[in-house]
Protein backbone atom coordinates (compact mmCIF):
# COMPACT_ATOMS: atom_id res chain seq x y z
CA GLN A 1 9.54 1.05 -16.34
CA VAL A 2 9.08 1.23 -12.59
CA GLN A 3 10.33 -1.30 -10.09
CA LEU A 4 8.51 -1.47 -6.76
CA VAL A 5 9.96 -3.13 -3.67
CA GLU A 6 7.87 -3.45 -0.53
CA SER A 7 9.17 -3.91 2.99
CA GLY A 8 7.96 -3.65 6.57
CA GLY A 9 5.56 -6.55 6.81
CA GLY A 10 5.60 -8.99 9.68
CA LEU A 11 3.72 -10.49 12.59
CA VAL A 12 1.97 -8.18 15.03
CA GLN A 13 -0.63 -8.58 17.75
CA ALA A 14 -4.11 -7.18 17.34
CA GLY A 15 -4.14 -3.51 18.22
CA GLY A 16 -0.55 -3.06 17.12
CA SER A 17 0.99 -1.02 14.35
CA LEU A 18 3.18 -1.54 11.31
CA ARG A 19 4.54 0.71 8.61
CA LEU A 20 4.93 -0.63 5.10
CA SER A 21 7.30 0.98 2.66
CA CYS A 22 7.38 0.81 -1.13
CA ALA A 23 10.56 2.00 -2.78
CA ALA A 24 10.17 2.91 -6.43
CA SER A 25 12.98 3.02 -8.96
CA GLY A 26 12.95 4.00 -12.56
CA ARG A 27 11.04 7.02 -13.73
CA THR A 28 10.36 9.93 -11.43
CA PHE A 29 8.04 9.02 -8.64
CA SER A 30 5.74 11.98 -9.11
CA SER A 31 4.74 10.73 -12.56
CA TYR A 32 2.65 7.93 -11.06
CA ALA A 33 -0.39 7.47 -8.92
CA MET A 34 0.38 4.98 -6.14
CA GLY A 35 -1.63 2.58 -4.07
CA TRP A 36 -1.66 -0.31 -1.65
CA TYR A 37 -3.71 -3.43 -2.26
CA ARG A 38 -4.02 -6.56 -0.20
CA GLN A 39 -5.03 -10.14 -0.78
CA ALA A 40 -5.94 -12.69 1.85
CA PRO A 41 -6.02 -16.42 1.02
CA GLY A 42 -9.07 -17.34 -0.98
CA THR A 43 -10.10 -13.76 -1.61
CA GLN A 44 -9.73 -11.24 -4.40
CA ARG A 45 -7.13 -8.53 -4.26
CA GLU A 46 -8.66 -5.39 -2.81
CA LEU A 47 -7.65 -1.76 -2.78
CA VAL A 48 -6.69 -0.54 0.69
CA ALA A 49 -5.49 3.00 0.08
CA HIS A 50 -4.25 5.09 -2.80
CA ILE A 51 -2.79 8.47 -3.45
CA SER A 52 -3.27 10.42 -6.65
CA ARG A 53 -0.51 12.06 -8.65
CA THR A 54 -1.55 15.33 -7.01
CA GLY A 55 -1.19 13.81 -3.55
CA THR A 56 -4.82 13.24 -2.60
CA PRO A 57 -5.27 10.14 -0.40
CA ASN A 58 -8.25 7.81 -0.41
CA TYR A 59 -9.07 4.81 1.74
CA ALA A 60 -11.24 1.75 1.78
CA ASP A 61 -13.99 2.02 4.37
CA SER A 62 -12.53 -0.92 6.28
CA VAL A 63 -9.30 0.97 7.07
CA LYS A 64 -10.46 4.58 7.38
CA GLY A 65 -9.19 6.14 10.55
CA ARG A 66 -6.64 3.36 11.07
CA PHE A 67 -4.37 3.46 8.01
CA ALA A 68 -2.58 6.41 6.45
CA ILE A 69 -0.89 6.55 3.06
CA SER A 70 1.87 9.04 2.36
CA SER A 71 4.68 9.58 -0.08
CA ASP A 72 8.19 11.00 0.02
CA ILE A 73 9.14 12.29 -3.41
CA VAL A 74 12.78 12.76 -2.46
CA LYS A 75 13.10 9.14 -1.35
CA ASN A 76 10.82 7.82 -4.11
CA THR A 77 8.93 5.92 -1.45
CA VAL A 78 5.29 5.51 -0.54
CA TYR A 79 4.28 4.41 2.94
CA LEU A 80 1.31 2.75 4.53
CA GLN A 81 1.11 3.42 8.24
CA MET A 82 -1.21 0.88 9.82
CA ALA A 83 -2.56 1.22 13.34
CA SER A 84 -5.16 -0.57 15.47
CA LEU A 85 -4.56 -3.67 13.40
CA LYS A 86 -7.15 -6.43 13.39
CA PRO A 87 -6.84 -10.12 12.51
CA GLU A 88 -8.90 -9.43 9.40
CA ASP A 89 -6.11 -7.15 8.15
CA THR A 90 -3.98 -10.26 7.66
CA ALA A 91 -3.00 -10.47 3.99
CA VAL A 92 -0.22 -10.01 1.50
CA TYR A 93 0.08 -6.30 0.83
CA TYR A 94 1.05 -5.11 -2.64
CA CYS A 95 2.30 -1.77 -3.80
CA ALA A 96 0.94 -0.54 -7.14
CA ALA A 97 1.77 2.24 -9.57
CA SER A 98 -0.30 3.68 -12.37
CA ARG A 99 0.37 6.06 -15.23
CA GLN A 100 -3.26 7.14 -14.87
CA PRO A 101 -4.30 9.90 -12.43
CA LEU A 102 -5.55 7.17 -10.07
CA VAL A 103 -4.59 3.51 -9.61
CA THR A 104 -8.30 2.68 -9.74
CA LEU A 105 -8.14 3.47 -13.46
CA GLY A 106 -5.61 0.71 -14.02
CA VAL A 107 -2.40 -0.57 -12.45
CA ASP A 108 0.70 -0.67 -14.62
CA PHE A 109 3.24 -2.00 -12.11
CA TRP A 110 3.06 -4.25 -9.06
CA GLY A 111 5.48 -4.97 -6.27
CA GLN A 112 6.22 -8.49 -5.11
CA GLY A 113 4.13 -8.19 -1.95
CA THR A 114 4.86 -8.27 1.76
CA GLN A 115 3.05 -10.45 4.30
CA VAL A 116 1.22 -8.87 7.21
CA THR A 117 -0.10 -11.22 9.87
CA VAL A 118 -2.16 -9.97 12.79
CA SER A 119 -2.64 -12.39 15.67
CA SER A 120 -5.63 -12.24 17.98
């Protein structure tokens, strides 16, 4: 079992930055592929960024060049650094973990979500 706890969400003006954190407990962090998803009201949950078990990052086209995903194995934490935020980035952001090499192959654990609101 893995427990995921997100933090770092909040209200920010367009053009601003935020860093989300996802602290993982349970089995060793390096055993899982990790990712960040988001869901705005009335929309489906979408993948924002993910990092494979070998540490390779990937991003949705909508956030490339603005967001960066990273992990700290010692702290068992994955981060999502978000810059140049836009109102359309407003959503609940969820941390995800997968026993597969990539979260895109199936998510096994979800965090509770953290709200990010970008004002124009």
